[in-house]
Amino acid sequence: QAQVVESGGGWVQPGSSLTLSCLAAGRSFSTKTMGWFRQAPGKARECVAAIRGDRTTYFGDVLKGRAAISRDNAKDTLLLQMNALRSSDTAVYYCAVYVRGPLFEIGSYQEWGQGTQVTVSS
């Protein structure tokens, strides 16, 4: 019954950094694997990163080396720190709760948030 709400998106210039937040209030947040995904207009949704309850992290190819995923279990909050943003990073960024299956596949996640828009342009 977790309620997932993303925030922190906005319009930034190329090269900027941005931190997104995901409030996933509910029971047993600290035990859940969580993921960040993104979807650009007309493009498929793709995995950015995931983090397990023990804080083990995994990164997809799209932002590998330019992103860090972390969690604050005391606040039921998931974070995504992004650096050196480029125009191709423009997308809606989603937070979701992992259920089962391959870690980087969207079908393995449920309880998606509504997303937060990130626009990178000059």
N, C-alpha and C. Protein backbone atom coordinates (compact mmCIF):
# COMPACT_ATOMS: atom_id res chain seq x y z
N GLN A 1 0.82 -1.21 0.00
CA GLN A 1 0.00 0.00 0.00
C GLN A 1 0.85 1.26 0.00
N ALA A 2 2.10 1.17 -0.44
CA ALA A 2 2.97 2.33 -0.48
C ALA A 2 2.44 3.36 -1.47
N GLN A 3 2.48 4.62 -1.07
CA GLN A 3 2.14 5.73 -1.94
C GLN A 3 3.44 6.36 -2.42
N VAL A 4 3.61 6.41 -3.74
CA VAL A 4 4.87 6.83 -4.33
C VAL A 4 4.70 8.19 -5.00
N VAL A 5 5.48 9.18 -4.57
CA VAL A 5 5.37 10.53 -5.09
C VAL A 5 6.76 11.08 -5.37
N GLU A 6 7.03 11.41 -6.65
CA GLU A 6 8.31 11.99 -7.04
C GLU A 6 8.27 13.51 -6.98
N SER A 7 9.43 14.11 -6.76
CA SER A 7 9.55 15.56 -6.78
C SER A 7 10.99 15.94 -7.09
N GLY A 8 11.22 17.21 -7.37
CA GLY A 8 12.57 17.72 -7.59
C GLY A 8 12.93 17.99 -9.03
N GLY A 9 12.05 17.67 -9.96
CA GLY A 9 12.33 17.93 -11.36
C GLY A 9 12.26 19.41 -11.67
N GLY A 10 12.69 19.77 -12.87
CA GLY A 10 12.67 21.16 -13.28
C GLY A 10 13.40 21.36 -14.58
N TRP A 11 13.60 22.61 -14.93
CA TRP A 11 14.29 23.00 -16.17
C TRP A 11 15.68 23.50 -15.79
N VAL A 12 16.71 22.80 -16.26
CA VAL A 12 18.09 23.15 -15.94
C VAL A 12 18.93 23.21 -17.21
N GLN A 13 20.07 23.86 -17.12
CA GLN A 13 20.99 23.98 -18.25
C GLN A 13 21.89 22.76 -18.36
N PRO A 14 22.39 22.46 -19.56
CA PRO A 14 23.33 21.35 -19.70
C PRO A 14 24.53 21.51 -18.78
N GLY A 15 24.98 20.40 -18.22
CA GLY A 15 26.09 20.41 -17.29
C GLY A 15 25.67 20.56 -15.84
N SER A 16 24.41 20.85 -15.61
CA SER A 16 23.91 21.05 -14.25
C SER A 16 23.74 19.73 -13.52
N SER A 17 23.60 19.84 -12.20
CA SER A 17 23.27 18.70 -11.36
C SER A 17 21.87 18.88 -10.81
N LEU A 18 21.24 17.78 -10.50
CA LEU A 18 19.88 17.81 -10.00
C LEU A 18 19.64 16.58 -9.14
N THR A 19 18.92 16.76 -8.05
CA THR A 19 18.57 15.65 -7.18
C THR A 19 17.06 15.48 -7.15
N LEU A 20 16.61 14.29 -7.47
CA LEU A 20 15.20 13.96 -7.43
C LEU A 20 14.90 13.19 -6.15
N SER A 21 13.70 13.37 -5.65
CA SER A 21 13.26 12.68 -4.45
C SER A 21 12.02 11.86 -4.73
N CYS A 22 11.87 10.79 -4.00
CA CYS A 22 10.69 9.94 -4.10
C CYS A 22 10.26 9.58 -2.69
N LEU A 23 9.09 10.06 -2.31
CA LEU A 23 8.52 9.69 -1.03
C LEU A 23 7.68 8.44 -1.24
N ALA A 24 8.05 7.36 -0.57
CA ALA A 24 7.35 6.09 -0.70
C ALA A 24 6.81 5.68 0.65
N ALA A 25 5.92 6.47 1.16
CA ALA A 25 5.34 6.20 2.47
C ALA A 25 4.54 4.91 2.46
N GLY A 26 4.72 4.14 3.49
CA GLY A 26 4.02 2.87 3.59
C GLY A 26 4.75 1.93 4.52
N ARG A 27 4.25 0.74 4.58
CA ARG A 27 4.83 -0.25 5.47
C ARG A 27 6.06 -0.90 4.85
N SER A 28 7.05 -1.14 5.67
CA SER A 28 8.25 -1.91 5.31
C SER A 28 9.05 -1.30 4.16
N PHE A 29 9.11 0.02 4.09
CA PHE A 29 9.89 0.67 3.05
C PHE A 29 11.35 0.22 3.07
N SER A 30 11.91 0.08 4.27
CA SER A 30 13.32 -0.23 4.39
C SER A 30 13.69 -1.60 3.83
N THR A 31 12.73 -2.48 3.66
CA THR A 31 12.99 -3.82 3.14
C THR A 31 12.80 -3.91 1.62
N LYS A 32 12.29 -2.87 1.00
CA LYS A 32 11.93 -2.92 -0.41
C LYS A 32 13.06 -2.46 -1.32
N THR A 33 13.24 -3.18 -2.41
CA THR A 33 14.09 -2.70 -3.49
C THR A 33 13.32 -1.65 -4.28
N MET A 34 13.97 -0.53 -4.55
CA MET A 34 13.34 0.58 -5.26
C MET A 34 14.11 0.91 -6.52
N GLY A 35 13.42 1.49 -7.49
CA GLY A 35 14.07 1.83 -8.74
C GLY A 35 13.68 3.20 -9.27
N TRP A 36 14.59 3.79 -10.03
CA TRP A 36 14.33 5.01 -10.80
C TRP A 36 14.33 4.65 -12.28
N PHE A 37 13.34 5.13 -12.98
CA PHE A 37 13.21 4.95 -14.42
C PHE A 37 12.98 6.30 -15.06
N ARG A 38 13.15 6.36 -16.37
CA ARG A 38 12.84 7.60 -17.08
C ARG A 38 12.22 7.27 -18.43
N GLN A 39 11.45 8.21 -18.95
CA GLN A 39 10.82 8.04 -20.24
C GLN A 39 10.77 9.38 -20.96
N ALA A 40 11.46 9.45 -22.08
CA ALA A 40 11.44 10.63 -22.93
C ALA A 40 10.25 10.55 -23.87
N PRO A 41 9.78 11.68 -24.39
CA PRO A 41 8.64 11.66 -25.32
C PRO A 41 8.89 10.75 -26.51
N GLY A 42 7.95 9.85 -26.76
CA GLY A 42 8.07 8.94 -27.88
C GLY A 42 9.06 7.81 -27.69
N LYS A 43 9.65 7.71 -26.51
CA LYS A 43 10.64 6.68 -26.24
C LYS A 43 10.13 5.69 -25.20
N ALA A 44 10.78 4.54 -25.15
CA ALA A 44 10.43 3.53 -24.17
C ALA A 44 10.95 3.91 -22.79
N ARG A 45 10.25 3.46 -21.78
CA ARG A 45 10.72 3.68 -20.43
C ARG A 45 11.97 2.84 -20.19
N GLU A 46 12.96 3.43 -19.52
CA GLU A 46 14.23 2.74 -19.31
C GLU A 46 14.70 2.89 -17.87
N CYS A 47 15.43 1.90 -17.42
CA CYS A 47 15.90 1.88 -16.04
C CYS A 47 17.12 2.77 -15.87
N VAL A 48 17.10 3.59 -14.83
CA VAL A 48 18.23 4.43 -14.47
C VAL A 48 19.08 3.76 -13.40
N ALA A 49 18.44 3.33 -12.32
CA ALA A 49 19.17 2.73 -11.21
C ALA A 49 18.19 2.04 -10.27
N ALA A 50 18.73 1.16 -9.44
CA ALA A 50 17.93 0.49 -8.43
C ALA A 50 18.76 0.35 -7.16
N ILE A 51 18.06 0.21 -6.04
CA ILE A 51 18.75 0.06 -4.77
C ILE A 51 17.96 -0.90 -3.89
N ARG A 52 18.66 -1.84 -3.27
CA ARG A 52 18.03 -2.80 -2.39
C ARG A 52 17.91 -2.24 -0.97
N GLY A 53 17.19 -2.96 -0.13
CA GLY A 53 17.03 -2.54 1.25
C GLY A 53 18.34 -2.45 2.00
N ASP A 54 19.32 -3.28 1.63
CA ASP A 54 20.63 -3.23 2.28
C ASP A 54 21.54 -2.19 1.65
N ARG A 55 20.99 -1.37 0.76
CA ARG A 55 21.67 -0.26 0.09
C ARG A 55 22.65 -0.68 -1.00
N THR A 56 22.59 -1.93 -1.42
CA THR A 56 23.32 -2.33 -2.61
C THR A 56 22.71 -1.62 -3.82
N THR A 57 23.55 -1.05 -4.66
CA THR A 57 23.07 -0.26 -5.79
C THR A 57 23.40 -0.90 -7.12
N TYR A 58 22.56 -0.61 -8.12
CA TYR A 58 22.72 -1.11 -9.47
C TYR A 58 22.38 0.02 -10.43
N PHE A 59 23.09 0.09 -11.55
CA PHE A 59 22.89 1.18 -12.50
C PHE A 59 22.67 0.66 -13.90
N GLY A 60 21.70 1.24 -14.57
CA GLY A 60 21.50 0.99 -15.97
C GLY A 60 22.53 1.74 -16.79
N ASP A 61 22.47 1.56 -18.10
CA ASP A 61 23.47 2.16 -18.98
C ASP A 61 23.26 3.65 -19.22
N VAL A 62 22.03 4.12 -19.11
CA VAL A 62 21.71 5.47 -19.58
C VAL A 62 22.36 6.59 -18.79
N LEU A 63 22.50 6.44 -17.49
CA LEU A 63 23.12 7.46 -16.65
C LEU A 63 24.27 6.92 -15.82
N LYS A 64 24.78 5.76 -16.19
CA LYS A 64 25.87 5.16 -15.44
C LYS A 64 27.08 6.08 -15.43
N GLY A 65 27.60 6.33 -14.23
CA GLY A 65 28.73 7.25 -14.08
C GLY A 65 28.32 8.68 -13.83
N ARG A 66 27.04 9.00 -14.03
CA ARG A 66 26.55 10.36 -13.82
C ARG A 66 25.41 10.40 -12.83
N ALA A 67 25.14 9.30 -12.15
CA ALA A 67 24.02 9.25 -11.23
C ALA A 67 24.39 8.45 -9.99
N ALA A 68 23.75 8.78 -8.90
CA ALA A 68 23.89 8.04 -7.65
C ALA A 68 22.51 7.85 -7.05
N ILE A 69 22.21 6.65 -6.64
CA ILE A 69 20.94 6.35 -6.01
C ILE A 69 21.18 6.07 -4.53
N SER A 70 20.32 6.58 -3.69
CA SER A 70 20.46 6.38 -2.25
C SER A 70 19.07 6.38 -1.61
N ARG A 71 19.02 6.06 -0.34
CA ARG A 71 17.74 6.04 0.35
C ARG A 71 17.91 6.50 1.78
N ASP A 72 16.87 7.13 2.29
CA ASP A 72 16.80 7.54 3.68
C ASP A 72 15.61 6.80 4.28
N ASN A 73 15.88 5.66 4.88
CA ASN A 73 14.80 4.82 5.38
C ASN A 73 13.99 5.48 6.49
N ALA A 74 14.63 6.34 7.27
CA ALA A 74 13.93 7.02 8.34
C ALA A 74 12.85 7.95 7.81
N LYS A 75 13.01 8.40 6.56
CA LYS A 75 12.06 9.31 5.94
C LYS A 75 11.27 8.65 4.81
N ASP A 76 11.43 7.35 4.63
CA ASP A 76 10.76 6.62 3.54
C ASP A 76 11.01 7.29 2.19
N THR A 77 12.25 7.72 1.98
CA THR A 77 12.58 8.53 0.81
C THR A 77 13.70 7.90 -0.02
N LEU A 78 13.49 7.90 -1.33
CA LEU A 78 14.48 7.46 -2.30
C LEU A 78 15.01 8.69 -3.03
N LEU A 79 16.31 8.73 -3.29
CA LEU A 79 16.93 9.87 -3.95
C LEU A 79 17.66 9.44 -5.21
N LEU A 80 17.69 10.33 -6.19
CA LEU A 80 18.50 10.14 -7.38
C LEU A 80 19.29 11.42 -7.62
N GLN A 81 20.59 11.34 -7.49
CA GLN A 81 21.48 12.48 -7.73
C GLN A 81 22.06 12.35 -9.13
N MET A 82 21.84 13.35 -9.96
CA MET A 82 22.30 13.33 -11.33
C MET A 82 23.28 14.46 -11.58
N ASN A 83 24.33 14.17 -12.32
CA ASN A 83 25.37 15.14 -12.62
C ASN A 83 25.59 15.25 -14.13
N ALA A 84 26.21 16.35 -14.52
CA ALA A 84 26.58 16.56 -15.92
C ALA A 84 25.41 16.28 -16.86
N LEU A 85 24.29 16.84 -16.54
CA LEU A 85 23.08 16.59 -17.32
C LEU A 85 23.22 17.12 -18.74
N ARG A 86 22.64 16.40 -19.67
CA ARG A 86 22.65 16.76 -21.08
C ARG A 86 21.24 16.76 -21.61
N SER A 87 21.06 17.32 -22.79
CA SER A 87 19.72 17.45 -23.34
C SER A 87 19.02 16.11 -23.51
N SER A 88 19.79 15.06 -23.78
CA SER A 88 19.21 13.74 -23.95
C SER A 88 18.70 13.14 -22.64
N ASP A 89 18.99 13.79 -21.52
CA ASP A 89 18.46 13.35 -20.24
C ASP A 89 17.05 13.89 -19.99
N THR A 90 16.57 14.72 -20.88
CA THR A 90 15.22 15.26 -20.76
C THR A 90 14.21 14.12 -20.81
N ALA A 91 13.41 14.00 -19.76
CA ALA A 91 12.47 12.91 -19.66
C ALA A 91 11.63 13.09 -18.41
N VAL A 92 10.59 12.30 -18.31
CA VAL A 92 9.87 12.17 -17.06
C VAL A 92 10.54 11.06 -16.26
N TYR A 93 10.87 11.35 -15.03
CA TYR A 93 11.56 10.40 -14.18
C TYR A 93 10.58 9.81 -13.18
N TYR A 94 10.57 8.48 -13.09
CA TYR A 94 9.63 7.76 -12.26
C TYR A 94 10.33 6.97 -11.16
N CYS A 95 9.68 6.88 -10.04
CA CYS A 95 10.08 6.02 -8.94
C CYS A 95 9.11 4.84 -8.87
N ALA A 96 9.61 3.66 -8.55
CA ALA A 96 8.75 2.49 -8.49
C ALA A 96 9.27 1.47 -7.48
N VAL A 97 8.38 0.62 -7.04
CA VAL A 97 8.69 -0.41 -6.06
C VAL A 97 8.88 -1.75 -6.76
N TYR A 98 10.02 -2.36 -6.53
CA TYR A 98 10.32 -3.67 -7.11
C TYR A 98 9.50 -4.76 -6.45
N VAL A 99 9.04 -5.71 -7.27
CA VAL A 99 8.28 -6.85 -6.77
C VAL A 99 9.04 -8.14 -6.99
N ARG A 100 9.30 -8.48 -8.24
CA ARG A 100 10.00 -9.71 -8.58
C ARG A 100 10.42 -9.67 -10.04
N GLY A 101 11.39 -10.48 -10.41
CA GLY A 101 11.83 -10.56 -11.79
C GLY A 101 13.15 -9.86 -12.02
N PRO A 102 13.56 -9.77 -13.29
CA PRO A 102 14.83 -9.10 -13.63
C PRO A 102 14.85 -7.67 -13.12
N LEU A 103 15.92 -7.28 -12.49
CA LEU A 103 15.99 -6.02 -11.77
C LEU A 103 15.81 -4.80 -12.65
N PHE A 104 16.27 -4.84 -13.90
CA PHE A 104 16.24 -3.68 -14.77
C PHE A 104 15.03 -3.62 -15.69
N GLU A 105 14.09 -4.52 -15.54
CA GLU A 105 12.92 -4.55 -16.40
C GLU A 105 11.74 -3.88 -15.72
N ILE A 106 11.02 -3.05 -16.49
CA ILE A 106 9.91 -2.30 -15.90
C ILE A 106 8.81 -3.21 -15.40
N GLY A 107 8.65 -4.38 -16.01
CA GLY A 107 7.64 -5.32 -15.58
C GLY A 107 7.88 -5.90 -14.21
N SER A 108 9.08 -5.70 -13.67
CA SER A 108 9.41 -6.21 -12.34
C SER A 108 8.99 -5.26 -11.23
N TYR A 109 8.44 -4.10 -11.61
CA TYR A 109 8.09 -3.07 -10.65
C TYR A 109 6.60 -2.77 -10.64
N GLN A 110 6.12 -2.40 -9.49
CA GLN A 110 4.74 -1.98 -9.32
C GLN A 110 4.72 -0.72 -8.47
N GLU A 111 3.54 -0.19 -8.24
CA GLU A 111 3.37 1.01 -7.41
C GLU A 111 4.20 2.18 -7.93
N TRP A 112 4.01 2.50 -9.18
CA TRP A 112 4.71 3.61 -9.82
C TRP A 112 4.16 4.96 -9.37
N GLY A 113 5.06 5.93 -9.27
CA GLY A 113 4.62 7.29 -9.04
C GLY A 113 4.16 7.93 -10.33
N GLN A 114 3.72 9.18 -10.26
CA GLN A 114 3.23 9.90 -11.43
C GLN A 114 4.36 10.52 -12.25
N GLY A 115 5.56 10.56 -11.70
CA GLY A 115 6.71 11.07 -12.41
C GLY A 115 6.96 12.54 -12.15
N THR A 116 8.21 12.95 -12.36
CA THR A 116 8.60 14.35 -12.27
C THR A 116 9.40 14.71 -13.52
N GLN A 117 9.06 15.83 -14.14
CA GLN A 117 9.65 16.23 -15.41
C GLN A 117 11.02 16.86 -15.21
N VAL A 118 12.00 16.36 -15.95
CA VAL A 118 13.33 16.97 -16.00
C VAL A 118 13.57 17.44 -17.43
N THR A 119 13.83 18.72 -17.60
CA THR A 119 14.12 19.29 -18.91
C THR A 119 15.49 19.92 -18.88
N VAL A 120 16.37 19.48 -19.77
CA VAL A 120 17.74 19.99 -19.84
C VAL A 120 17.90 20.69 -21.18
N SER A 121 18.07 22.00 -21.15
CA SER A 121 18.24 22.78 -22.37
C SER A 121 18.87 24.12 -22.06
N SER A 122 19.41 24.76 -23.10
CA SER A 122 20.01 26.08 -22.95
C SER A 122 18.97 27.17 -23.09
